[in-house]
Amino acid sequence: MKNTDYTILSQIQKAHSIGSVVTLISYILNAMIRRISGLEFLTLPLIILVSLTIIGSAYFLFQSVKHKNEIEKPRKNNIAFIIRIVINLGLLALMVY
């Protein structure tokens, strides 16, 4: 395995961790914004954060498809990214409407 392949795999692993945490924090913040009217100023930054999470998850999904031979469980990995993208799209739809 080349050094660049190891770097990509490390980035994919970090993307899973960071993406999960950001999705959870976004969900909690969205619930707080809906209940507390004084936090409405956080709506736009949260929409931007969720959009960037979707873009990042899509990028690393394509990277994991590209390097599927080096990944231990590529199907499970891809499904995790797809689920995260769908959850974030649903969260984004809730924030916009």
PDB file of N, CA and C in Angstrom:
ATOM      1  N   MET A   1       0.842  -1.175   0.000  1.00  0.00           N
ATOM      2  CA  MET A   1       0.000   0.000   0.000  1.00  0.00           C
ATOM      3  C   MET A   1       0.886   1.236   0.000  1.00  0.00           C
ATOM      4  N   LYS A   2       0.537   2.177  -0.833  1.00  0.00           N
ATOM      5  CA  LYS A   2       1.313   3.404  -0.940  1.00  0.00           C
ATOM      6  C   LYS A   2       1.005   4.332   0.223  1.00  0.00           C
ATOM      7  N   ASN A   3       1.880   5.306   0.405  1.00  0.00           N
ATOM      8  CA  ASN A   3       1.695   6.287   1.467  1.00  0.00           C
ATOM      9  C   ASN A   3       0.450   7.134   1.223  1.00  0.00           C
ATOM     10  N   THR A   4       0.174   7.470  -0.038  1.00  0.00           N
ATOM     11  CA  THR A   4      -1.018   8.278  -0.337  1.00  0.00           C
ATOM     12  C   THR A   4      -2.296   7.499  -0.056  1.00  0.00           C
ATOM     13  N   ASP A   5      -2.273   6.178  -0.304  1.00  0.00           N
ATOM     14  CA  ASP A   5      -3.442   5.361   0.010  1.00  0.00           C
ATOM     15  C   ASP A   5      -3.711   5.351   1.506  1.00  0.00           C
ATOM     16  N   TYR A   6      -2.650   5.263   2.293  1.00  0.00           N
ATOM     17  CA  TYR A   6      -2.802   5.292   3.749  1.00  0.00           C
ATOM     18  C   TYR A   6      -3.363   6.632   4.202  1.00  0.00           C
ATOM     19  N   THR A   7      -2.926   7.705   3.571  1.00  0.00           N
ATOM     20  CA  THR A   7      -3.424   9.035   3.913  1.00  0.00           C
ATOM     21  C   THR A   7      -4.910   9.146   3.595  1.00  0.00           C
ATOM     22  N   ILE A   8      -5.320   8.661   2.448  1.00  0.00           N
ATOM     23  CA  ILE A   8      -6.735   8.700   2.061  1.00  0.00           C
ATOM     24  C   ILE A   8      -7.571   7.874   3.031  1.00  0.00           C
ATOM     25  N   LEU A   9      -7.101   6.678   3.378  1.00  0.00           N
ATOM     26  CA  LEU A   9      -7.846   5.830   4.304  1.00  0.00           C
ATOM     27  C   LEU A   9      -7.959   6.474   5.675  1.00  0.00           C
ATOM     28  N   SER A  10      -6.904   7.131   6.098  1.00  0.00           N
ATOM     29  CA  SER A  10      -6.934   7.849   7.375  1.00  0.00           C
ATOM     30  C   SER A  10      -7.934   8.995   7.326  1.00  0.00           C
ATOM     31  N   GLN A  11      -7.973   9.707   6.207  1.00  0.00           N
ATOM     32  CA  GLN A  11      -8.923  10.810   6.055  1.00  0.00           C
ATOM     33  C   GLN A  11     -10.363  10.303   6.036  1.00  0.00           C
ATOM     34  N   ILE A  12     -10.600   9.170   5.403  1.00  0.00           N
ATOM     35  CA  ILE A  12     -11.944   8.593   5.366  1.00  0.00           C
ATOM     36  C   ILE A  12     -12.391   8.207   6.772  1.00  0.00           C
ATOM     37  N   GLN A  13     -11.479   7.628   7.536  1.00  0.00           N
ATOM     38  CA  GLN A  13     -11.800   7.249   8.910  1.00  0.00           C
ATOM     39  C   GLN A  13     -12.107   8.482   9.762  1.00  0.00           C
ATOM     40  N   LYS A  14     -11.324   9.540   9.600  1.00  0.00           N
ATOM     41  CA  LYS A  14     -11.578  10.782  10.335  1.00  0.00           C
ATOM     42  C   LYS A  14     -12.892  11.414   9.893  1.00  0.00           C
ATOM     43  N   ALA A  15     -13.207  11.310   8.605  1.00  0.00           N
ATOM     44  CA  ALA A  15     -14.462  11.871   8.093  1.00  0.00           C
ATOM     45  C   ALA A  15     -15.665  11.186   8.724  1.00  0.00           C
ATOM     46  N   HIS A  16     -15.565   9.882   8.968  1.00  0.00           N
ATOM     47  CA  HIS A  16     -16.652   9.181   9.646  1.00  0.00           C
ATOM     48  C   HIS A  16     -16.862   9.736  11.046  1.00  0.00           C
ATOM     49  N   SER A  17     -15.780   9.888  11.778  1.00  0.00           N
ATOM     50  CA  SER A  17     -15.883  10.370  13.158  1.00  0.00           C
ATOM     51  C   SER A  17     -16.412  11.793  13.219  1.00  0.00           C
ATOM     52  N   ILE A  18     -15.814  12.669  12.438  1.00  0.00           N
ATOM     53  CA  ILE A  18     -16.209  14.080  12.453  1.00  0.00           C
ATOM     54  C   ILE A  18     -17.635  14.244  11.934  1.00  0.00           C
ATOM     55  N   GLY A  19     -17.980  13.529  10.883  1.00  0.00           N
ATOM     56  CA  GLY A  19     -19.324  13.626  10.318  1.00  0.00           C
ATOM     57  C   GLY A  19     -20.404  13.189  11.296  1.00  0.00           C
ATOM     58  N   SER A  20     -20.130  12.130  12.045  1.00  0.00           N
ATOM     59  CA  SER A  20     -21.109  11.670  13.033  1.00  0.00           C
ATOM     60  C   SER A  20     -21.318  12.695  14.135  1.00  0.00           C
ATOM     61  N   VAL A  21     -20.232  13.263  14.618  1.00  0.00           N
ATOM     62  CA  VAL A  21     -20.325  14.260  15.686  1.00  0.00           C
ATOM     63  C   VAL A  21     -21.040  15.514  15.195  1.00  0.00           C
ATOM     64  N   VAL A  22     -20.697  15.981  14.008  1.00  0.00           N
ATOM     65  CA  VAL A  22     -21.323  17.190  13.464  1.00  0.00           C
ATOM     66  C   VAL A  22     -22.815  16.964  13.226  1.00  0.00           C
ATOM     67  N   THR A  23     -23.189  15.792  12.740  1.00  0.00           N
ATOM     68  CA  THR A  23     -24.601  15.491  12.519  1.00  0.00           C
ATOM     69  C   THR A  23     -25.369  15.491  13.835  1.00  0.00           C
ATOM     70  N   LEU A  24     -24.799  14.894  14.861  1.00  0.00           N
ATOM     71  CA  LEU A  24     -25.454  14.862  16.166  1.00  0.00           C
ATOM     72  C   LEU A  24     -25.594  16.263  16.755  1.00  0.00           C
ATOM     73  N   ILE A  25     -24.534  17.051  16.700  1.00  0.00           N
ATOM     74  CA  ILE A  25     -24.579  18.426  17.214  1.00  0.00           C
ATOM     75  C   ILE A  25     -25.586  19.260  16.423  1.00  0.00           C
ATOM     76  N   SER A  26     -25.627  19.081  15.116  1.00  0.00           N
ATOM     77  CA  SER A  26     -26.575  19.829  14.284  1.00  0.00           C
ATOM     78  C   SER A  26     -28.011  19.482  14.643  1.00  0.00           C
ATOM     79  N   TYR A  27     -28.266  18.213  14.892  1.00  0.00           N
ATOM     80  CA  TYR A  27     -29.617  17.795  15.263  1.00  0.00           C
ATOM     81  C   TYR A  27     -30.028  18.423  16.597  1.00  0.00           C
ATOM     82  N   ILE A  28     -29.130  18.400  17.572  1.00  0.00           N
ATOM     83  CA  ILE A  28     -29.423  18.980  18.886  1.00  0.00           C
ATOM     84  C   ILE A  28     -29.629  20.486  18.774  1.00  0.00           C
ATOM     85  N   LEU A  29     -28.759  21.166  18.038  1.00  0.00           N
ATOM     86  CA  LEU A  29     -28.912  22.615  17.868  1.00  0.00           C
ATOM     87  C   LEU A  29     -30.212  22.968  17.147  1.00  0.00           C
ATOM     88  N   ASN A  30     -30.576  22.171  16.161  1.00  0.00           N
ATOM     89  CA  ASN A  30     -31.826  22.426  15.446  1.00  0.00           C
ATOM     90  C   ASN A  30     -33.018  22.304  16.391  1.00  0.00           C
ATOM     91  N   ALA A  31     -32.996  21.305  17.257  1.00  0.00           N
ATOM     92  CA  ALA A  31     -34.081  21.151  18.227  1.00  0.00           C
ATOM     93  C   ALA A  31     -34.127  22.336  19.187  1.00  0.00           C
ATOM     94  N   MET A  32     -32.963  22.814  19.606  1.00  0.00           N
ATOM     95  CA  MET A  32     -32.918  23.964  20.516  1.00  0.00           C
ATOM     96  C   MET A  32     -33.407  25.233  19.828  1.00  0.00           C
ATOM     97  N   ILE A  33     -33.030  25.421  18.567  1.00  0.00           N
ATOM     98  CA  ILE A  33     -33.449  26.614  17.820  1.00  0.00           C
ATOM     99  C   ILE A  33     -34.966  26.625  17.654  1.00  0.00           C
ATOM    100  N   ARG A  34     -35.548  25.460  17.407  1.00  0.00           N
ATOM    101  CA  ARG A  34     -37.000  25.384  17.227  1.00  0.00           C
ATOM    102  C   ARG A  34     -37.747  25.716  18.523  1.00  0.00           C
ATOM    103  N   ARG A  35     -37.178  25.358  19.665  1.00  0.00           N
ATOM    104  CA  ARG A  35     -37.864  25.565  20.944  1.00  0.00           C
ATOM    105  C   ARG A  35     -37.610  26.943  21.545  1.00  0.00           C
ATOM    106  N   ILE A  36     -36.422  27.497  21.316  1.00  0.00           N
ATOM    107  CA  ILE A  36     -36.059  28.781  21.917  1.00  0.00           C
ATOM    108  C   ILE A  36     -35.978  29.819  20.801  1.00  0.00           C
ATOM    109  N   SER A  37     -36.876  30.758  20.811  1.00  0.00           N
ATOM    110  CA  SER A  37     -36.937  31.739  19.718  1.00  0.00           C
ATOM    111  C   SER A  37     -35.739  32.694  19.728  1.00  0.00           C
ATOM    112  N   GLY A  38     -35.060  32.831  20.843  1.00  0.00           N
ATOM    113  CA  GLY A  38     -33.901  33.719  20.910  1.00  0.00           C
ATOM    114  C   GLY A  38     -32.681  33.187  20.178  1.00  0.00           C
ATOM    115  N   LEU A  39     -32.712  31.929  19.794  1.00  0.00           N
ATOM    116  CA  LEU A  39     -31.569  31.317  19.101  1.00  0.00           C
ATOM    117  C   LEU A  39     -31.752  31.268  17.588  1.00  0.00           C
ATOM    118  N   GLU A  40     -32.712  32.005  17.066  1.00  0.00           N
ATOM    119  CA  GLU A  40     -32.981  31.970  15.627  1.00  0.00           C
ATOM    120  C   GLU A  40     -31.812  32.477  14.791  1.00  0.00           C
ATOM    121  N   PHE A  41     -30.934  33.275  15.381  1.00  0.00           N
ATOM    122  CA  PHE A  41     -29.775  33.773  14.647  1.00  0.00           C
ATOM    123  C   PHE A  41     -28.808  32.649  14.292  1.00  0.00           C
ATOM    124  N   LEU A  42     -28.937  31.497  14.921  1.00  0.00           N
ATOM    125  CA  LEU A  42     -28.061  30.358  14.623  1.00  0.00           C
ATOM    126  C   LEU A  42     -28.536  29.528  13.432  1.00  0.00           C
ATOM    127  N   THR A  43     -29.677  29.873  12.869  1.00  0.00           N
ATOM    128  CA  THR A  43     -30.238  29.073  11.781  1.00  0.00           C
ATOM    129  C   THR A  43     -29.344  29.080  10.544  1.00  0.00           C
ATOM    130  N   LEU A  44     -28.913  30.249  10.105  1.00  0.00           N
ATOM    131  CA  LEU A  44     -28.074  30.328   8.900  1.00  0.00           C
ATOM    132  C   LEU A  44     -26.725  29.621   9.081  1.00  0.00           C
ATOM    133  N   PRO A  45     -25.997  29.846  10.188  1.00  0.00           N
ATOM    134  CA  PRO A  45     -24.748  29.091  10.357  1.00  0.00           C
ATOM    135  C   PRO A  45     -24.967  27.582  10.414  1.00  0.00           C
ATOM    136  N   LEU A  46     -26.086  27.166  10.990  1.00  0.00           N
ATOM    137  CA  LEU A  46     -26.376  25.740  11.062  1.00  0.00           C
ATOM    138  C   LEU A  46     -26.691  25.166   9.682  1.00  0.00           C
ATOM    139  N   ILE A  47     -27.397  25.928   8.862  1.00  0.00           N
ATOM    140  CA  ILE A  47     -27.672  25.492   7.486  1.00  0.00           C
ATOM    141  C   ILE A  47     -26.362  25.352   6.712  1.00  0.00           C
ATOM    142  N   ILE A  48     -25.458  26.299   6.900  1.00  0.00           N
ATOM    143  CA  ILE A  48     -24.150  26.231   6.232  1.00  0.00           C
ATOM    144  C   ILE A  48     -23.367  25.020   6.721  1.00  0.00           C
ATOM    145  N   LEU A  49     -23.377  24.770   8.029  1.00  0.00           N
ATOM    146  CA  LEU A  49     -22.652  23.633   8.597  1.00  0.00           C
ATOM    147  C   LEU A  49     -23.191  22.307   8.068  1.00  0.00           C
ATOM    148  N   VAL A  50     -24.502  22.169   8.022  1.00  0.00           N
ATOM    149  CA  VAL A  50     -25.101  20.929   7.517  1.00  0.00           C
ATOM    150  C   VAL A  50     -24.810  20.764   6.027  1.00  0.00           C
ATOM    151  N   SER A  51     -24.849  21.855   5.272  1.00  0.00           N
ATOM    152  CA  SER A  51     -24.534  21.784   3.837  1.00  0.00           C
ATOM    153  C   SER A  51     -23.092  21.348   3.616  1.00  0.00           C
ATOM    154  N   LEU A  52     -22.177  21.890   4.400  1.00  0.00           N
ATOM    155  CA  LEU A  52     -20.772  21.486   4.284  1.00  0.00           C
ATOM    156  C   LEU A  52     -20.575  20.028   4.688  1.00  0.00           C
ATOM    157  N   THR A  53     -21.340  19.566   5.664  1.00  0.00           N
ATOM    158  CA  THR A  53     -21.263  18.164   6.062  1.00  0.00           C
ATOM    159  C   THR A  53     -21.744  17.257   4.936  1.00  0.00           C
ATOM    160  N   ILE A  54     -22.796  17.664   4.246  1.00  0.00           N
ATOM    161  CA  ILE A  54     -23.295  16.882   3.106  1.00  0.00           C
ATOM    162  C   ILE A  54     -22.246  16.837   2.000  1.00  0.00           C
ATOM    163  N   ILE A  55     -21.655  17.976   1.699  1.00  0.00           N
ATOM    164  CA  ILE A  55     -20.626  18.035   0.652  1.00  0.00           C
ATOM    165  C   ILE A  55     -19.422  17.183   1.035  1.00  0.00           C
ATOM    166  N   GLY A  56     -18.981  17.291   2.285  1.00  0.00           N
ATOM    167  CA  GLY A  56     -17.840  16.498   2.756  1.00  0.00           C
ATOM    168  C   GLY A  56     -18.134  15.012   2.734  1.00  0.00           C
ATOM    169  N   SER A  57     -19.326  14.626   3.158  1.00  0.00           N
ATOM    170  CA  SER A  57     -19.694  13.208   3.142  1.00  0.00           C
ATOM    171  C   SER A  57     -19.751  12.672   1.717  1.00  0.00           C
ATOM    172  N   ALA A  58     -20.274  13.472   0.795  1.00  0.00           N
ATOM    173  CA  ALA A  58     -20.322  13.044  -0.607  1.00  0.00           C
ATOM    174  C   ALA A  58     -18.911  12.892  -1.173  1.00  0.00           C
ATOM    175  N   TYR A  59     -18.028  13.838  -0.840  1.00  0.00           N
ATOM    176  CA  TYR A  59     -16.643  13.759  -1.317  1.00  0.00           C
ATOM    177  C   TYR A  59     -15.968  12.488  -0.809  1.00  0.00           C
ATOM    178  N   PHE A  60     -16.110  12.209   0.490  1.00  0.00           N
ATOM    179  CA  PHE A  60     -15.457  11.024   1.037  1.00  0.00           C
ATOM    180  C   PHE A  60     -16.158   9.738   0.623  1.00  0.00           C
ATOM    181  N   LEU A  61     -17.440   9.812   0.266  1.00  0.00           N
ATOM    182  CA  LEU A  61     -18.109   8.651  -0.311  1.00  0.00           C
ATOM    183  C   LEU A  61     -17.459   8.305  -1.650  1.00  0.00           C
ATOM    184  N   PHE A  62     -17.226   9.306  -2.481  1.00  0.00           N
ATOM    185  CA  PHE A  62     -16.566   9.059  -3.763  1.00  0.00           C
ATOM    186  C   PHE A  62     -15.125   8.582  -3.567  1.00  0.00           C
ATOM    187  N   GLN A  63     -14.436   9.110  -2.570  1.00  0.00           N
ATOM    188  CA  GLN A  63     -13.079   8.644  -2.280  1.00  0.00           C
ATOM    189  C   GLN A  63     -13.090   7.187  -1.825  1.00  0.00           C
ATOM    190  N   SER A  64     -14.077   6.816  -1.013  1.00  0.00           N
ATOM    191  CA  SER A  64     -14.130   5.431  -0.545  1.00  0.00           C
ATOM    192  C   SER A  64     -14.515   4.475  -1.673  1.00  0.00           C
ATOM    193  N   VAL A  65     -15.333   4.943  -2.614  1.00  0.00           N
ATOM    194  CA  VAL A  65     -15.651   4.111  -3.783  1.00  0.00           C
ATOM    195  C   VAL A  65     -14.404   3.955  -4.650  1.00  0.00           C
ATOM    196  N   LYS A  66     -13.654   5.032  -4.779  1.00  0.00           N
ATOM    197  CA  LYS A  66     -12.437   5.012  -5.594  1.00  0.00           C
ATOM    198  C   LYS A  66     -11.384   4.073  -5.002  1.00  0.00           C
ATOM    199  N   HIS A  67     -11.296   4.013  -3.679  1.00  0.00           N
ATOM    200  CA  HIS A  67     -10.278   3.198  -3.003  1.00  0.00           C
ATOM    201  C   HIS A  67     -10.910   1.996  -2.310  1.00  0.00           C
ATOM    202  N   LYS A  68     -11.920   1.401  -2.929  1.00  0.00           N
ATOM    203  CA  LYS A  68     -12.645   0.314  -2.276  1.00  0.00           C
ATOM    204  C   LYS A  68     -11.787  -0.928  -2.053  1.00  0.00           C
ATOM    205  N   ASN A  69     -10.736  -1.105  -2.833  1.00  0.00           N
ATOM    206  CA  ASN A  69      -9.880  -2.279  -2.660  1.00  0.00           C
ATOM    207  C   ASN A  69      -9.058  -2.208  -1.378  1.00  0.00           C
ATOM    208  N   GLU A  70      -8.738  -1.000  -0.918  1.00  0.00           N
ATOM    209  CA  GLU A  70      -7.927  -0.840   0.280  1.00  0.00           C
ATOM    210  C   GLU A  70      -8.755  -0.809   1.564  1.00  0.00           C
ATOM    211  N   ILE A  71     -10.061  -0.628   1.439  1.00  0.00           N
ATOM    212  CA  ILE A  71     -10.929  -0.509   2.608  1.00  0.00           C
ATOM    213  C   ILE A  71     -11.369  -1.898   3.041  1.00  0.00           C
ATOM    214  N   GLU A  72     -11.389  -2.098   4.368  1.00  0.00           N
ATOM    215  CA  GLU A  72     -11.697  -3.422   4.900  1.00  0.00           C
ATOM    216  C   GLU A  72     -13.131  -3.861   4.590  1.00  0.00           C
ATOM    217  N   LYS A  73     -14.107  -3.017   4.889  1.00  0.00           N
ATOM    218  CA  LYS A  73     -15.517  -3.326   4.608  1.00  0.00           C
ATOM    219  C   LYS A  73     -16.099  -2.189   3.774  1.00  0.00           C
ATOM    220  N   PRO A  74     -15.866  -2.216   2.456  1.00  0.00           N
ATOM    221  CA  PRO A  74     -16.272  -1.067   1.638  1.00  0.00           C
ATOM    222  C   PRO A  74     -17.783  -0.850   1.578  1.00  0.00           C
ATOM    223  N   ARG A  75     -18.552  -1.916   1.557  1.00  0.00           N
ATOM    224  CA  ARG A  75     -20.008  -1.754   1.462  1.00  0.00           C
ATOM    225  C   ARG A  75     -20.568  -1.092   2.719  1.00  0.00           C
ATOM    226  N   LYS A  76     -20.110  -1.546   3.878  1.00  0.00           N
ATOM    227  CA  LYS A  76     -20.550  -0.961   5.146  1.00  0.00           C
ATOM    228  C   LYS A  76     -20.127   0.503   5.231  1.00  0.00           C
ATOM    229  N   ASN A  77     -18.937   0.789   4.762  1.00  0.00           N
ATOM    230  CA  ASN A  77     -18.402   2.149   4.758  1.00  0.00           C
ATOM    231  C   ASN A  77     -19.252   3.063   3.880  1.00  0.00           C
ATOM    232  N   ASN A  78     -19.578   2.607   2.689  1.00  0.00           N
ATOM    233  CA  ASN A  78     -20.382   3.415   1.763  1.00  0.00           C
ATOM    234  C   ASN A  78     -21.800   3.621   2.281  1.00  0.00           C
ATOM    235  N   ILE A  79     -22.374   2.584   2.878  1.00  0.00           N
ATOM    236  CA  ILE A  79     -23.723   2.713   3.430  1.00  0.00           C
ATOM    237  C   ILE A  79     -23.742   3.735   4.561  1.00  0.00           C
ATOM    238  N   ALA A  80     -22.693   3.758   5.372  1.00  0.00           N
ATOM    239  CA  ALA A  80     -22.624   4.735   6.466  1.00  0.00           C
ATOM    240  C   ALA A  80     -22.597   6.161   5.924  1.00  0.00           C
ATOM    241  N   PHE A  81     -21.828   6.394   4.863  1.00  0.00           N
ATOM    242  CA  PHE A  81     -21.794   7.733   4.270  1.00  0.00           C
ATOM    243  C   PHE A  81     -23.154   8.094   3.661  1.00  0.00           C
ATOM    244  N   ILE A  82     -23.790   7.144   2.996  1.00  0.00           N
ATOM    245  CA  ILE A  82     -25.089   7.408   2.371  1.00  0.00           C
ATOM    246  C   ILE A  82     -26.140   7.725   3.432  1.00  0.00           C
ATOM    247  N   ILE A  83     -26.142   6.971   4.526  1.00  0.00           N
ATOM    248  CA  ILE A  83     -27.093   7.238   5.607  1.00  0.00           C
ATOM    249  C   ILE A  83     -26.854   8.617   6.199  1.00  0.00           C
ATOM    250  N   ARG A  84     -25.593   8.987   6.385  1.00  0.00           N
ATOM    251  CA  ARG A  84     -25.282  10.311   6.934  1.00  0.00           C
ATOM    252  C   ARG A  84     -25.745  11.419   5.987  1.00  0.00           C
ATOM    253  N   ILE A  85     -25.576  11.217   4.692  1.00  0.00           N
ATOM    254  CA  ILE A  85     -26.027  12.213   3.715  1.00  0.00           C
ATOM    255  C   ILE A  85     -27.547  12.348   3.765  1.00  0.00           C
ATOM    256  N   VAL A  86     -28.262  11.228   3.839  1.00  0.00           N
ATOM    257  CA  VAL A  86     -29.727  11.263   3.884  1.00  0.00           C
ATOM    258  C   VAL A  86     -30.214  11.941   5.165  1.00  0.00           C
ATOM    259  N   ILE A  87     -29.598  11.621   6.298  1.00  0.00           N
ATOM    260  CA  ILE A  87     -29.982  12.257   7.564  1.00  0.00           C
ATOM    261  C   ILE A  87     -29.757  13.761   7.491  1.00  0.00           C
ATOM    262  N   ASN A  88     -28.618  14.161   6.963  1.00  0.00           N
ATOM    263  CA  ASN A  88     -28.329  15.594   6.868  1.00  0.00           C
ATOM    264  C   ASN A  88     -29.248  16.297   5.870  1.00  0.00           C
ATOM    265  N   LEU A  89     -29.626  15.627   4.793  1.00  0.00           N
ATOM    266  CA  LEU A  89     -30.591  16.218   3.857  1.00  0.00           C
ATOM    267  C   LEU A  89     -31.952  16.407   4.527  1.00  0.00           C
ATOM    268  N   GLY A  90     -32.354  15.429   5.318  1.00  0.00           N
ATOM    269  CA  GLY A  90     -33.603  15.563   6.060  1.00  0.00           C
ATOM    270  C   GLY A  90     -33.537  16.687   7.076  1.00  0.00           C
ATOM    271  N   LEU A  91     -32.417  16.796   7.758  1.00  0.00           N
ATOM    272  CA  LEU A  91     -32.219  17.878   8.726  1.00  0.00           C
ATOM    273  C   LEU A  91     -32.228  19.232   8.036  1.00  0.00           C
ATOM    274  N   LEU A  92     -31.606  19.303   6.879  1.00  0.00           N
ATOM    275  CA  LEU A  92     -31.591  20.548   6.108  1.00  0.00           C
ATOM    276  C   LEU A  92     -33.002  20.924   5.650  1.00  0.00           C
ATOM    277  N   ALA A  93     -33.769  19.930   5.233  1.00  0.00           N
ATOM    278  CA  ALA A  93     -35.152  20.199   4.817  1.00  0.00           C
ATOM    279  C   ALA A  93     -35.987  20.706   5.988  1.00  0.00           C
ATOM    280  N   LEU A  94     -35.772  20.146   7.170  1.00  0.00           N
ATOM    281  CA  LEU A  94     -36.498  20.619   8.349  1.00  0.00           C
ATOM    282  C   LEU A  94     -36.129  22.053   8.708  1.00  0.00           C
ATOM    283  N   MET A  95     -34.869  22.408   8.508  1.00  0.00           N
ATOM    284  CA  MET A  95     -34.434  23.764   8.852  1.00  0.00           C
ATOM    285  C   MET A  95     -34.959  24.790   7.859  1.00  0.00           C
ATOM    286  N   VAL A  96     -35.058  24.410   6.600  1.00  0.00           N
ATOM    287  CA  VAL A  96     -35.479  25.359   5.573  1.00  0.00           C
ATOM    288  C   VAL A  96     -36.979  25.619   5.664  1.00  0.00           C
ATOM    289  N   TYR A  97     -37.755  24.593   5.996  1.00  0.00           N
ATOM    290  CA  TYR A  97     -39.221  24.764   6.063  1.00  0.00           C
ATOM    291  C   TYR A  97     -39.683  25.105   7.428  1.00  0.00           C
TER     292      TYR A  97
END
